[in-house]
Amino acid sequence: MKKIILTLLAIFSTVNVASAQMGGGFEGPSASNNATTVAEALKMRDETYVTLTGKIVNSLGDEKYTFKDDTGEVVVEIDDEDWRGVKVTPENTITINGEVDKEMFESTKIDVDSVVVR
């Protein structure tokens, strides 16, 4: 019985590692046009999905950064795993995808799901 369990665990581990290393996916336009500016995003409702293009100008610590485009600035929160190996400097133009996060008594921020260097 132990051998069967160990064999199954080995198989599942191999499948998970293989699928994690593939990391592919579609990059291109979406059916819905959710591209927006920082100024527009700040006016949107909580949990609205947005796509913003601009630059990260500095780190605020604790996975928070200042993101800027031609219309303004907003704090973005990018969890370490959501960088997916992408390296960004203030000179890089990036596109971020995420949700507007509005909390009572706090400034609006964007909870980022993905980062793409342009």
PDB file of N, CA and C in Angstrom:
ATOM      1  N   MET A   1       0.834  -1.197   0.000  1.00  0.00           N
ATOM      2  CA  MET A   1       0.000   0.000   0.000  1.00  0.00           C
ATOM      3  C   MET A   1       0.877   1.259   0.000  1.00  0.00           C
ATOM      4  N   LYS A   2       1.974   1.234   0.791  1.00  0.00           N
ATOM      5  CA  LYS A   2       2.865   2.389   0.830  1.00  0.00           C
ATOM      6  C   LYS A   2       3.482   2.654  -0.536  1.00  0.00           C
ATOM      7  N   LYS A   3       3.837   1.582  -1.256  1.00  0.00           N
ATOM      8  CA  LYS A   3       4.445   1.747  -2.571  1.00  0.00           C
ATOM      9  C   LYS A   3       3.463   2.397  -3.545  1.00  0.00           C
ATOM     10  N   ILE A   4       2.194   2.013  -3.453  1.00  0.00           N
ATOM     11  CA  ILE A   4       1.174   2.589  -4.338  1.00  0.00           C
ATOM     12  C   ILE A   4       1.014   4.076  -4.053  1.00  0.00           C
ATOM     13  N   ILE A   5       0.944   4.419  -2.781  1.00  0.00           N
ATOM     14  CA  ILE A   5       0.780   5.827  -2.394  1.00  0.00           C
ATOM     15  C   ILE A   5       1.991   6.641  -2.837  1.00  0.00           C
ATOM     16  N   LEU A   6       3.196   6.121  -2.612  1.00  0.00           N
ATOM     17  CA  LEU A   6       4.405   6.837  -3.024  1.00  0.00           C
ATOM     18  C   LEU A   6       4.475   6.993  -4.537  1.00  0.00           C
ATOM     19  N   THR A   7       4.068   5.963  -5.274  1.00  0.00           N
ATOM     20  CA  THR A   7       4.052   6.037  -6.725  1.00  0.00           C
ATOM     21  C   THR A   7       3.070   7.104  -7.204  1.00  0.00           C
ATOM     22  N   LEU A   8       1.876   7.136  -6.610  1.00  0.00           N
ATOM     23  CA  LEU A   8       0.879   8.148  -6.981  1.00  0.00           C
ATOM     24  C   LEU A   8       1.377   9.554  -6.657  1.00  0.00           C
ATOM     25  N   LEU A   9       1.991   9.732  -5.506  1.00  0.00           N
ATOM     26  CA  LEU A   9       2.542  11.043  -5.141  1.00  0.00           C
ATOM     27  C   LEU A   9       3.615  11.479  -6.132  1.00  0.00           C
ATOM     28  N   ALA A  10       4.466  10.559  -6.547  1.00  0.00           N
ATOM     29  CA  ALA A  10       5.515  10.876  -7.520  1.00  0.00           C
ATOM     30  C   ALA A  10       4.907  11.292  -8.854  1.00  0.00           C
ATOM     31  N   ILE A  11       3.864  10.597  -9.288  1.00  0.00           N
ATOM     32  CA  ILE A  11       3.207  10.928 -10.554  1.00  0.00           C
ATOM     33  C   ILE A  11       2.583  12.317 -10.485  1.00  0.00           C
ATOM     34  N   PHE A  12       1.843  12.611  -9.414  1.00  0.00           N
ATOM     35  CA  PHE A  12       1.197  13.911  -9.276  1.00  0.00           C
ATOM     36  C   PHE A  12       2.224  15.031  -9.174  1.00  0.00           C
ATOM     37  N   SER A  13       3.323  14.799  -8.485  1.00  0.00           N
ATOM     38  CA  SER A  13       4.376  15.809  -8.373  1.00  0.00           C
ATOM     39  C   SER A  13       4.973  16.111  -9.736  1.00  0.00           C
ATOM     40  N   THR A  14       5.210  15.090 -10.534  1.00  0.00           N
ATOM     41  CA  THR A  14       5.776  15.264 -11.871  1.00  0.00           C
ATOM     42  C   THR A  14       4.824  16.054 -12.754  1.00  0.00           C
ATOM     43  N   VAL A  15       3.537  15.757 -12.709  1.00  0.00           N
ATOM     44  CA  VAL A  15       2.543  16.469 -13.506  1.00  0.00           C
ATOM     45  C   VAL A  15       2.485  17.932 -13.090  1.00  0.00           C
ATOM     46  N   ASN A  16       2.480  18.221 -11.790  1.00  0.00           N
ATOM     47  CA  ASN A  16       2.419  19.604 -11.315  1.00  0.00           C
ATOM     48  C   ASN A  16       3.654  20.391 -11.723  1.00  0.00           C
ATOM     49  N   VAL A  17       4.839  19.800 -11.615  1.00  0.00           N
ATOM     50  CA  VAL A  17       6.067  20.486 -12.003  1.00  0.00           C
ATOM     51  C   VAL A  17       6.064  20.750 -13.501  1.00  0.00           C
ATOM     52  N   ALA A  18       5.661  19.768 -14.300  1.00  0.00           N
ATOM     53  CA  ALA A  18       5.637  19.932 -15.755  1.00  0.00           C
ATOM     54  C   ALA A  18       4.679  21.040 -16.168  1.00  0.00           C
ATOM     55  N   SER A  19       3.501  21.071 -15.579  1.00  0.00           N
ATOM     56  CA  SER A  19       2.535  22.106 -15.964  1.00  0.00           C
ATOM     57  C   SER A  19       2.985  23.483 -15.483  1.00  0.00           C
ATOM     58  N   ALA A  20       3.662  23.570 -14.344  1.00  0.00           N
ATOM     59  CA  ALA A  20       4.143  24.854 -13.842  1.00  0.00           C
ATOM     60  C   ALA A  20       5.270  25.395 -14.724  1.00  0.00           C
ATOM     61  N   GLN A  21       6.100  24.505 -15.297  1.00  0.00           N
ATOM     62  CA  GLN A  21       7.212  24.945 -16.122  1.00  0.00           C
ATOM     63  C   GLN A  21       6.759  25.389 -17.499  1.00  0.00           C
ATOM     64  N   MET A  22       5.638  24.905 -17.971  1.00  0.00           N
ATOM     65  CA  MET A  22       5.157  25.273 -19.300  1.00  0.00           C
ATOM     66  C   MET A  22       4.868  26.768 -19.349  1.00  0.00           C
ATOM     67  N   GLY A  23       4.098  27.300 -18.407  1.00  0.00           N
ATOM     68  CA  GLY A  23       3.860  28.719 -18.231  1.00  0.00           C
ATOM     69  C   GLY A  23       3.398  29.480 -19.461  1.00  0.00           C
ATOM     70  N   GLY A  24       2.858  28.823 -20.454  1.00  0.00           N
ATOM     71  CA  GLY A  24       2.419  29.505 -21.661  1.00  0.00           C
ATOM     72  C   GLY A  24       1.021  30.049 -21.527  1.00  0.00           C
ATOM     73  N   GLY A  25       0.576  30.693 -22.555  1.00  0.00           N
ATOM     74  CA  GLY A  25      -0.778  31.220 -22.577  1.00  0.00           C
ATOM     75  C   GLY A  25      -0.927  32.218 -23.700  1.00  0.00           C
ATOM     76  N   PHE A  26      -2.127  32.641 -23.945  1.00  0.00           N
ATOM     77  CA  PHE A  26      -2.440  33.567 -25.022  1.00  0.00           C
ATOM     78  C   PHE A  26      -2.041  34.981 -24.637  1.00  0.00           C
ATOM     79  N   GLU A  27      -1.368  35.676 -25.557  1.00  0.00           N
ATOM     80  CA  GLU A  27      -1.065  37.086 -25.384  1.00  0.00           C
ATOM     81  C   GLU A  27      -1.626  37.816 -26.590  1.00  0.00           C
ATOM     82  N   GLY A  28      -2.593  38.645 -26.359  1.00  0.00           N
ATOM     83  CA  GLY A  28      -3.205  39.379 -27.449  1.00  0.00           C
ATOM     84  C   GLY A  28      -4.451  40.086 -26.961  1.00  0.00           C
ATOM     85  N   PRO A  29      -5.203  40.644 -27.880  1.00  0.00           N
ATOM     86  CA  PRO A  29      -6.387  41.407 -27.482  1.00  0.00           C
ATOM     87  C   PRO A  29      -7.467  40.505 -26.888  1.00  0.00           C
ATOM     88  N   SER A  30      -8.257  41.094 -26.019  1.00  0.00           N
ATOM     89  CA  SER A  30      -9.362  40.356 -25.422  1.00  0.00           C
ATOM     90  C   SER A  30     -10.665  40.807 -26.053  1.00  0.00           C
ATOM     91  N   ALA A  31     -11.702  40.015 -25.851  1.00  0.00           N
ATOM     92  CA  ALA A  31     -13.008  40.335 -26.416  1.00  0.00           C
ATOM     93  C   ALA A  31     -13.587  41.598 -25.774  1.00  0.00           C
ATOM     94  N   SER A  32     -13.270  41.806 -24.503  1.00  0.00           N
ATOM     95  CA  SER A  32     -13.774  43.010 -23.843  1.00  0.00           C
ATOM     96  C   SER A  32     -12.656  44.037 -23.775  1.00  0.00           C
ATOM     97  N   ASN A  33     -12.995  45.274 -24.009  1.00  0.00           N
ATOM     98  CA  ASN A  33     -11.999  46.337 -23.994  1.00  0.00           C
ATOM     99  C   ASN A  33     -11.974  46.963 -22.605  1.00  0.00           C
ATOM    100  N   ASN A  34     -11.092  46.444 -21.742  1.00  0.00           N
ATOM    101  CA  ASN A  34     -11.013  46.961 -20.390  1.00  0.00           C
ATOM    102  C   ASN A  34      -9.816  47.868 -20.200  1.00  0.00           C
ATOM    103  N   ALA A  35      -9.098  48.184 -21.285  1.00  0.00           N
ATOM    104  CA  ALA A  35      -7.951  49.072 -21.185  1.00  0.00           C
ATOM    105  C   ALA A  35      -8.422  50.440 -20.715  1.00  0.00           C
ATOM    106  N   THR A  36      -7.665  51.029 -19.836  1.00  0.00           N
ATOM    107  CA  THR A  36      -8.081  52.291 -19.247  1.00  0.00           C
ATOM    108  C   THR A  36      -6.861  53.074 -18.789  1.00  0.00           C
ATOM    109  N   THR A  37      -7.085  54.231 -18.234  1.00  0.00           N
ATOM    110  CA  THR A  37      -6.013  55.061 -17.682  1.00  0.00           C
ATOM    111  C   THR A  37      -6.113  55.053 -16.166  1.00  0.00           C
ATOM    112  N   VAL A  38      -5.067  55.542 -15.525  1.00  0.00           N
ATOM    113  CA  VAL A  38      -5.090  55.643 -14.068  1.00  0.00           C
ATOM    114  C   VAL A  38      -6.256  56.529 -13.628  1.00  0.00           C
ATOM    115  N   ALA A  39      -6.451  57.657 -14.299  1.00  0.00           N
ATOM    116  CA  ALA A  39      -7.545  58.569 -13.922  1.00  0.00           C
ATOM    117  C   ALA A  39      -8.899  57.868 -14.003  1.00  0.00           C
ATOM    118  N   GLU A  40      -9.108  57.077 -15.043  1.00  0.00           N
ATOM    119  CA  GLU A  40     -10.374  56.352 -15.176  1.00  0.00           C
ATOM    120  C   GLU A  40     -10.489  55.255 -14.120  1.00  0.00           C
ATOM    121  N   ALA A  41      -9.397  54.548 -13.881  1.00  0.00           N
ATOM    122  CA  ALA A  41      -9.416  53.460 -12.900  1.00  0.00           C
ATOM    123  C   ALA A  41      -9.774  53.959 -11.505  1.00  0.00           C
ATOM    124  N   LEU A  42      -9.295  55.135 -11.153  1.00  0.00           N
ATOM    125  CA  LEU A  42      -9.589  55.690  -9.823  1.00  0.00           C
ATOM    126  C   LEU A  42     -11.076  55.995  -9.640  1.00  0.00           C
ATOM    127  N   LYS A  43     -11.824  56.152 -10.733  1.00  0.00           N
ATOM    128  CA  LYS A  43     -13.260  56.438 -10.670  1.00  0.00           C
ATOM    129  C   LYS A  43     -14.115  55.178 -10.736  1.00  0.00           C
ATOM    130  N   MET A  44     -13.500  54.043 -11.053  1.00  0.00           N
ATOM    131  CA  MET A  44     -14.263  52.803 -11.230  1.00  0.00           C
ATOM    132  C   MET A  44     -14.639  52.171  -9.900  1.00  0.00           C
ATOM    133  N   ARG A  45     -15.628  51.279  -9.989  1.00  0.00           N
ATOM    134  CA  ARG A  45     -16.104  50.584  -8.799  1.00  0.00           C
ATOM    135  C   ARG A  45     -15.107  49.527  -8.332  1.00  0.00           C
ATOM    136  N   ASP A  46     -15.220  49.162  -7.064  1.00  0.00           N
ATOM    137  CA  ASP A  46     -14.403  48.115  -6.470  1.00  0.00           C
ATOM    138  C   ASP A  46     -14.525  46.829  -7.282  1.00  0.00           C
ATOM    139  N   GLU A  47     -13.417  46.135  -7.465  1.00  0.00           N
ATOM    140  CA  GLU A  47     -13.319  44.845  -8.150  1.00  0.00           C
ATOM    141  C   GLU A  47     -13.536  44.918  -9.664  1.00  0.00           C
ATOM    142  N   THR A  48     -13.500  46.130 -10.237  1.00  0.00           N
ATOM    143  CA  THR A  48     -13.560  46.265 -11.685  1.00  0.00           C
ATOM    144  C   THR A  48     -12.207  45.862 -12.256  1.00  0.00           C
ATOM    145  N   TYR A  49     -12.206  45.004 -13.282  1.00  0.00           N
ATOM    146  CA  TYR A  49     -10.955  44.551 -13.888  1.00  0.00           C
ATOM    147  C   TYR A  49     -10.432  45.635 -14.822  1.00  0.00           C
ATOM    148  N   VAL A  50      -9.147  45.961 -14.716  1.00  0.00           N
ATOM    149  CA  VAL A  50      -8.552  47.008 -15.537  1.00  0.00           C
ATOM    150  C   VAL A  50      -7.224  46.539 -16.131  1.00  0.00           C
ATOM    151  N   THR A  51      -6.861  47.176 -17.227  1.00  0.00           N
ATOM    152  CA  THR A  51      -5.551  47.009 -17.843  1.00  0.00           C
ATOM    153  C   THR A  51      -4.956  48.397 -17.975  1.00  0.00           C
ATOM    154  N   LEU A  52      -3.777  48.591 -17.400  1.00  0.00           N
ATOM    155  CA  LEU A  52      -3.128  49.899 -17.414  1.00  0.00           C
ATOM    156  C   LEU A  52      -1.745  49.774 -18.029  1.00  0.00           C
ATOM    157  N   THR A  53      -1.346  50.784 -18.796  1.00  0.00           N
ATOM    158  CA  THR A  53      -0.006  50.825 -19.361  1.00  0.00           C
ATOM    159  C   THR A  53       0.694  52.078 -18.858  1.00  0.00           C
ATOM    160  N   GLY A  54       1.890  51.879 -18.327  1.00  0.00           N
ATOM    161  CA  GLY A  54       2.648  52.988 -17.775  1.00  0.00           C
ATOM    162  C   GLY A  54       3.951  52.483 -17.183  1.00  0.00           C
ATOM    163  N   LYS A  55       4.398  53.119 -16.101  1.00  0.00           N
ATOM    164  CA  LYS A  55       5.677  52.774 -15.483  1.00  0.00           C
ATOM    165  C   LYS A  55       5.536  52.685 -13.963  1.00  0.00           C
ATOM    166  N   ILE A  56       6.305  51.795 -13.377  1.00  0.00           N
ATOM    167  CA  ILE A  56       6.439  51.780 -11.921  1.00  0.00           C
ATOM    168  C   ILE A  56       7.578  52.739 -11.601  1.00  0.00           C
ATOM    169  N   VAL A  57       7.281  53.765 -10.803  1.00  0.00           N
ATOM    170  CA  VAL A  57       8.294  54.787 -10.540  1.00  0.00           C
ATOM    171  C   VAL A  57       9.071  54.549  -9.256  1.00  0.00           C
ATOM    172  N   ASN A  58       8.460  53.824  -8.291  1.00  0.00           N
ATOM    173  CA  ASN A  58       9.202  53.493  -7.069  1.00  0.00           C
ATOM    174  C   ASN A  58       8.493  52.403  -6.275  1.00  0.00           C
ATOM    175  N   SER A  59       9.250  51.845  -5.358  1.00  0.00           N
ATOM    176  CA  SER A  59       8.715  50.825  -4.455  1.00  0.00           C
ATOM    177  C   SER A  59       8.311  51.491  -3.149  1.00  0.00           C
ATOM    178  N   LEU A  60       7.161  51.100  -2.639  1.00  0.00           N
ATOM    179  CA  LEU A  60       6.687  51.617  -1.355  1.00  0.00           C
ATOM    180  C   LEU A  60       6.894  50.598  -0.237  1.00  0.00           C
ATOM    181  N   GLY A  61       7.444  49.428  -0.597  1.00  0.00           N
ATOM    182  CA  GLY A  61       7.638  48.344   0.358  1.00  0.00           C
ATOM    183  C   GLY A  61       6.388  47.503   0.479  1.00  0.00           C
ATOM    184  N   ASP A  62       6.530  46.331   1.067  1.00  0.00           N
ATOM    185  CA  ASP A  62       5.412  45.422   1.327  1.00  0.00           C
ATOM    186  C   ASP A  62       4.594  45.128   0.067  1.00  0.00           C
ATOM    187  N   GLU A  63       5.291  44.862  -1.054  1.00  0.00           N
ATOM    188  CA  GLU A  63       4.660  44.504  -2.331  1.00  0.00           C
ATOM    189  C   GLU A  63       3.811  45.617  -2.932  1.00  0.00           C
ATOM    190  N   LYS A  64       4.042  46.864  -2.525  1.00  0.00           N
ATOM    191  CA  LYS A  64       3.298  48.007  -3.057  1.00  0.00           C
ATOM    192  C   LYS A  64       4.258  48.917  -3.821  1.00  0.00           C
ATOM    193  N   TYR A  65       3.744  49.489  -4.930  1.00  0.00           N
ATOM    194  CA  TYR A  65       4.552  50.317  -5.811  1.00  0.00           C
ATOM    195  C   TYR A  65       3.723  51.496  -6.301  1.00  0.00           C
ATOM    196  N   THR A  66       4.389  52.581  -6.697  1.00  0.00           N
ATOM    197  CA  THR A  66       3.705  53.691  -7.336  1.00  0.00           C
ATOM    198  C   THR A  66       3.752  53.464  -8.840  1.00  0.00           C
ATOM    199  N   PHE A  67       2.571  53.414  -9.454  1.00  0.00           N
ATOM    200  CA  PHE A  67       2.426  53.211 -10.900  1.00  0.00           C
ATOM    201  C   PHE A  67       1.958  54.527 -11.503  1.00  0.00           C
ATOM    202  N   LYS A  68       2.552  54.926 -12.647  1.00  0.00           N
ATOM    203  CA  LYS A  68       2.231  56.217 -13.246  1.00  0.00           C
ATOM    204  C   LYS A  68       1.995  56.067 -14.743  1.00  0.00           C
ATOM    205  N   ASP A  69       0.955  56.769 -15.224  1.00  0.00           N
ATOM    206  CA  ASP A  69       0.776  56.943 -16.666  1.00  0.00           C
ATOM    207  C   ASP A  69       0.591  58.435 -16.917  1.00  0.00           C
ATOM    208  N   ASP A  70       0.199  58.801 -18.122  1.00  0.00           N
ATOM    209  CA  ASP A  70       0.074  60.226 -18.467  1.00  0.00           C
ATOM    210  C   ASP A  70      -1.050  60.936 -17.724  1.00  0.00           C
ATOM    211  N   THR A  71      -1.956  60.166 -17.075  1.00  0.00           N
ATOM    212  CA  THR A  71      -3.117  60.783 -16.423  1.00  0.00           C
ATOM    213  C   THR A  71      -3.008  60.850 -14.907  1.00  0.00           C
ATOM    214  N   GLY A  72      -1.999  60.198 -14.324  1.00  0.00           N
ATOM    215  CA  GLY A  72      -1.863  60.242 -12.872  1.00  0.00           C
ATOM    216  C   GLY A  72      -1.107  59.063 -12.307  1.00  0.00           C
ATOM    217  N   GLU A  73      -1.185  58.938 -10.976  1.00  0.00           N
ATOM    218  CA  GLU A  73      -0.494  57.885 -10.248  1.00  0.00           C
ATOM    219  C   GLU A  73      -1.469  57.112  -9.381  1.00  0.00           C
ATOM    220  N   VAL A  74      -1.149  55.837  -9.148  1.00  0.00           N
ATOM    221  CA  VAL A  74      -1.950  54.999  -8.268  1.00  0.00           C
ATOM    222  C   VAL A  74      -1.011  53.982  -7.615  1.00  0.00           C
ATOM    223  N   VAL A  75      -1.346  53.581  -6.407  1.00  0.00           N
ATOM    224  CA  VAL A  75      -0.589  52.516  -5.752  1.00  0.00           C
ATOM    225  C   VAL A  75      -1.068  51.182  -6.313  1.00  0.00           C
ATOM    226  N   VAL A  76      -0.109  50.343  -6.673  1.00  0.00           N
ATOM    227  CA  VAL A  76      -0.426  49.000  -7.141  1.00  0.00           C
ATOM    228  C   VAL A  76       0.193  48.002  -6.179  1.00  0.00           C
ATOM    229  N   GLU A  77      -0.509  46.901  -5.967  1.00  0.00           N
ATOM    230  CA  GLU A  77       0.006  45.833  -5.121  1.00  0.00           C
ATOM    231  C   GLU A  77       0.277  44.627  -6.008  1.00  0.00           C
ATOM    232  N   ILE A  78       1.552  44.224  -6.052  1.00  0.00           N
ATOM    233  CA  ILE A  78       1.958  43.097  -6.888  1.00  0.00           C
ATOM    234  C   ILE A  78       2.580  42.048  -5.977  1.00  0.00           C
ATOM    235  N   ASP A  79       1.861  40.951  -5.768  1.00  0.00           N
ATOM    236  CA  ASP A  79       2.391  39.862  -4.948  1.00  0.00           C
ATOM    237  C   ASP A  79       3.628  39.292  -5.628  1.00  0.00           C
ATOM    238  N   ASP A  80       4.574  38.824  -4.826  1.00  0.00           N
ATOM    239  CA  ASP A  80       5.838  38.314  -5.371  1.00  0.00           C
ATOM    240  C   ASP A  80       5.628  37.291  -6.477  1.00  0.00           C
ATOM    241  N   GLU A  81       4.681  36.373  -6.311  1.00  0.00           N
ATOM    242  CA  GLU A  81       4.463  35.331  -7.326  1.00  0.00           C
ATOM    243  C   GLU A  81       3.844  35.885  -8.609  1.00  0.00           C
ATOM    244  N   ASP A  82       3.217  37.060  -8.558  1.00  0.00           N
ATOM    245  CA  ASP A  82       2.590  37.635  -9.752  1.00  0.00           C
ATOM    246  C   ASP A  82       3.593  38.303 -10.693  1.00  0.00           C
ATOM    247  N   TRP A  83       4.834  38.483 -10.248  1.00  0.00           N
ATOM    248  CA  TRP A  83       5.873  39.005 -11.141  1.00  0.00           C
ATOM    249  C   TRP A  83       6.251  37.965 -12.181  1.00  0.00           C
ATOM    250  N   ARG A  84       6.155  36.688 -11.817  1.00  0.00           N
ATOM    251  CA  ARG A  84       6.467  35.570 -12.722  1.00  0.00           C
ATOM    252  C   ARG A  84       7.814  35.737 -13.420  1.00  0.00           C
ATOM    253  N   GLY A  85       8.806  36.190 -12.650  1.00  0.00           N
ATOM    254  CA  GLY A  85      10.161  36.300 -13.174  1.00  0.00           C
ATOM    255  C   GLY A  85      10.456  37.558 -13.973  1.00  0.00           C
ATOM    256  N   VAL A  86       9.481  38.435 -14.162  1.00  0.00           N
ATOM    257  CA  VAL A  86       9.678  39.666 -14.919  1.00  0.00           C
ATOM    258  C   VAL A  86      10.475  40.659 -14.073  1.00  0.00           C
ATOM    259  N   LYS A  87      11.499  41.266 -14.666  1.00  0.00           N
ATOM    260  CA  LYS A  87      12.298  42.306 -14.012  1.00  0.00           C
ATOM    261  C   LYS A  87      11.923  43.651 -14.625  1.00  0.00           C
ATOM    262  N   VAL A  88      11.667  44.654 -13.774  1.00  0.00           N
ATOM    263  CA  VAL A  88      11.203  45.959 -14.243  1.00  0.00           C
ATOM    264  C   VAL A  88      12.010  47.059 -13.568  1.00  0.00           C
ATOM    265  N   THR A  89      12.352  48.086 -14.344  1.00  0.00           N
ATOM    266  CA  THR A  89      12.980  49.289 -13.808  1.00  0.00           C
ATOM    267  C   THR A  89      12.047  50.467 -14.103  1.00  0.00           C
ATOM    268  N   PRO A  90      12.307  51.643 -13.510  1.00  0.00           N
ATOM    269  CA  PRO A  90      11.458  52.804 -13.802  1.00  0.00           C
ATOM    270  C   PRO A  90      11.481  53.229 -15.269  1.00  0.00           C
ATOM    271  N   GLU A  91      12.465  52.773 -16.041  1.00  0.00           N
ATOM    272  CA  GLU A  91      12.538  53.110 -17.457  1.00  0.00           C
ATOM    273  C   GLU A  91      11.637  52.229 -18.319  1.00  0.00           C
ATOM    274  N   ASN A  92      11.226  51.060 -17.799  1.00  0.00           N
ATOM    275  CA  ASN A  92      10.406  50.127 -18.571  1.00  0.00           C
ATOM    276  C   ASN A  92       8.947  50.564 -18.620  1.00  0.00           C
ATOM    277  N   THR A  93       8.355  50.510 -19.809  1.00  0.00           N
ATOM    278  CA  THR A  93       6.910  50.663 -19.939  1.00  0.00           C
ATOM    279  C   THR A  93       6.310  49.274 -19.789  1.00  0.00           C
ATOM    280  N   ILE A  94       5.309  49.162 -18.931  1.00  0.00           N
ATOM    281  CA  ILE A  94       4.692  47.865 -18.657  1.00  0.00           C
ATOM    282  C   ILE A  94       3.179  47.965 -18.795  1.00  0.00           C
ATOM    283  N   THR A  95       2.557  46.821 -18.956  1.00  0.00           N
ATOM    284  CA  THR A  95       1.104  46.719 -18.899  1.00  0.00           C
ATOM    285  C   THR A  95       0.768  45.826 -17.718  1.00  0.00           C
ATOM    286  N   ILE A  96      -0.124  46.304 -16.864  1.00  0.00           N
ATOM    287  CA  ILE A  96      -0.568  45.516 -15.720  1.00  0.00           C
ATOM    288  C   ILE A  96      -2.049  45.201 -15.879  1.00  0.00           C
ATOM    289  N   ASN A  97      -2.429  44.030 -15.421  1.00  0.00           N
ATOM    290  CA  ASN A  97      -3.825  43.614 -15.392  1.00  0.00           C
ATOM    291  C   ASN A  97      -4.181  43.338 -13.944  1.00  0.00           C
ATOM    292  N   GLY A  98      -5.322  43.825 -13.511  1.00  0.00           N
ATOM    293  CA  GLY A  98      -5.726  43.595 -12.137  1.00  0.00           C
ATOM    294  C   GLY A  98      -7.085  44.186 -11.839  1.00  0.00           C
ATOM    295  N   GLU A  99      -7.384  44.268 -10.550  1.00  0.00           N
ATOM    296  CA  GLU A  99      -8.686  44.762 -10.106  1.00  0.00           C
ATOM    297  C   GLU A  99      -8.545  46.012  -9.262  1.00  0.00           C
ATOM    298  N   VAL A 100      -9.492  46.910  -9.435  1.00  0.00           N
ATOM    299  CA  VAL A 100      -9.576  48.086  -8.579  1.00  0.00           C
ATOM    300  C   VAL A 100      -9.902  47.603  -7.167  1.00  0.00           C
ATOM    301  N   ASP A 101      -9.175  48.122  -6.195  1.00  0.00           N
ATOM    302  CA  ASP A 101      -9.375  47.733  -4.797  1.00  0.00           C
ATOM    303  C   ASP A 101      -9.674  48.982  -3.984  1.00  0.00           C
ATOM    304  N   LYS A 102     -10.942  49.130  -3.619  1.00  0.00           N
ATOM    305  CA  LYS A 102     -11.368  50.277  -2.810  1.00  0.00           C
ATOM    306  C   LYS A 102     -11.734  49.782  -1.423  1.00  0.00           C
ATOM    307  N   GLU A 103     -11.050  50.334  -0.427  1.00  0.00           N
ATOM    308  CA  GLU A 103     -11.344  49.982   0.957  1.00  0.00           C
ATOM    309  C   GLU A 103     -11.677  51.253   1.723  1.00  0.00           C
ATOM    310  N   MET A 104     -12.570  51.110   2.687  1.00  0.00           N
ATOM    311  CA  MET A 104     -12.990  52.248   3.474  1.00  0.00           C
ATOM    312  C   MET A 104     -11.797  52.875   4.184  1.00  0.00           C
ATOM    313  N   PHE A 105     -11.687  54.172   4.148  1.00  0.00           N
ATOM    314  CA  PHE A 105     -10.657  54.953   4.815  1.00  0.00           C
ATOM    315  C   PHE A 105      -9.263  54.756   4.230  1.00  0.00           C
ATOM    316  N   GLU A 106      -9.160  54.188   3.030  1.00  0.00           N
ATOM    317  CA  GLU A 106      -7.864  54.018   2.368  1.00  0.00           C
ATOM    318  C   GLU A 106      -7.959  54.511   0.932  1.00  0.00           C
ATOM    319  N   SER A 107      -6.825  54.857   0.368  1.00  0.00           N
ATOM    320  CA  SER A 107      -6.786  55.270  -1.034  1.00  0.00           C
ATOM    321  C   SER A 107      -7.046  54.069  -1.932  1.00  0.00           C
ATOM    322  N   THR A 108      -7.616  54.339  -3.084  1.00  0.00           N
ATOM    323  CA  THR A 108      -7.843  53.289  -4.080  1.00  0.00           C
ATOM    324  C   THR A 108      -6.501  52.772  -4.565  1.00  0.00           C
ATOM    325  N   LYS A 109      -6.414  51.455  -4.749  1.00  0.00           N
ATOM    326  CA  LYS A 109      -5.209  50.859  -5.319  1.00  0.00           C
ATOM    327  C   LYS A 109      -5.631  49.817  -6.337  1.00  0.00           C
ATOM    328  N   ILE A 110      -4.661  49.267  -7.025  1.00  0.00           N
ATOM    329  CA  ILE A 110      -4.907  48.221  -8.017  1.00  0.00           C
ATOM    330  C   ILE A 110      -4.225  46.961  -7.530  1.00  0.00           C
ATOM    331  N   ASP A 111      -4.986  45.872  -7.403  1.00  0.00           N
ATOM    332  CA  ASP A 111      -4.439  44.575  -7.022  1.00  0.00           C
ATOM    333  C   ASP A 111      -4.061  43.863  -8.319  1.00  0.00           C
ATOM    334  N   VAL A 112      -2.775  43.792  -8.611  1.00  0.00           N
ATOM    335  CA  VAL A 112      -2.275  43.328  -9.902  1.00  0.00           C
ATOM    336  C   VAL A 112      -2.213  41.797  -9.954  1.00  0.00           C
ATOM    337  N   ASP A 113      -2.674  41.262 -11.101  1.00  0.00           N
ATOM    338  CA  ASP A 113      -2.601  39.824 -11.364  1.00  0.00           C
ATOM    339  C   ASP A 113      -1.428  39.473 -12.275  1.00  0.00           C
ATOM    340  N   SER A 114      -1.069  40.384 -13.202  1.00  0.00           N
ATOM    341  CA  SER A 114       0.025  40.075 -14.116  1.00  0.00           C
ATOM    342  C   SER A 114       0.732  41.361 -14.561  1.00  0.00           C
ATOM    343  N   VAL A 115       2.009  41.184 -14.927  1.00  0.00           N
ATOM    344  CA  VAL A 115       2.856  42.273 -15.383  1.00  0.00           C
ATOM    345  C   VAL A 115       3.506  41.848 -16.696  1.00  0.00           C
ATOM    346  N   VAL A 116       3.412  42.708 -17.718  1.00  0.00           N
ATOM    347  CA  VAL A 116       4.031  42.428 -19.006  1.00  0.00           C
ATOM    348  C   VAL A 116       4.883  43.634 -19.408  1.00  0.00           C
ATOM    349  N   VAL A 117       6.151  43.404 -19.725  1.00  0.00           N
ATOM    350  CA  VAL A 117       7.031  44.489 -20.187  1.00  0.00           C
ATOM    351  C   VAL A 117       6.751  44.735 -21.655  1.00  0.00           C
ATOM    352  N   ARG A 118       6.599  45.988 -22.036  1.00  0.00           N
ATOM    353  CA  ARG A 118       6.302  46.374 -23.428  1.00  0.00           C
ATOM    354  C   ARG A 118       7.556  46.760 -24.154  1.00  0.00           C
TER     355      ARG A 118
END
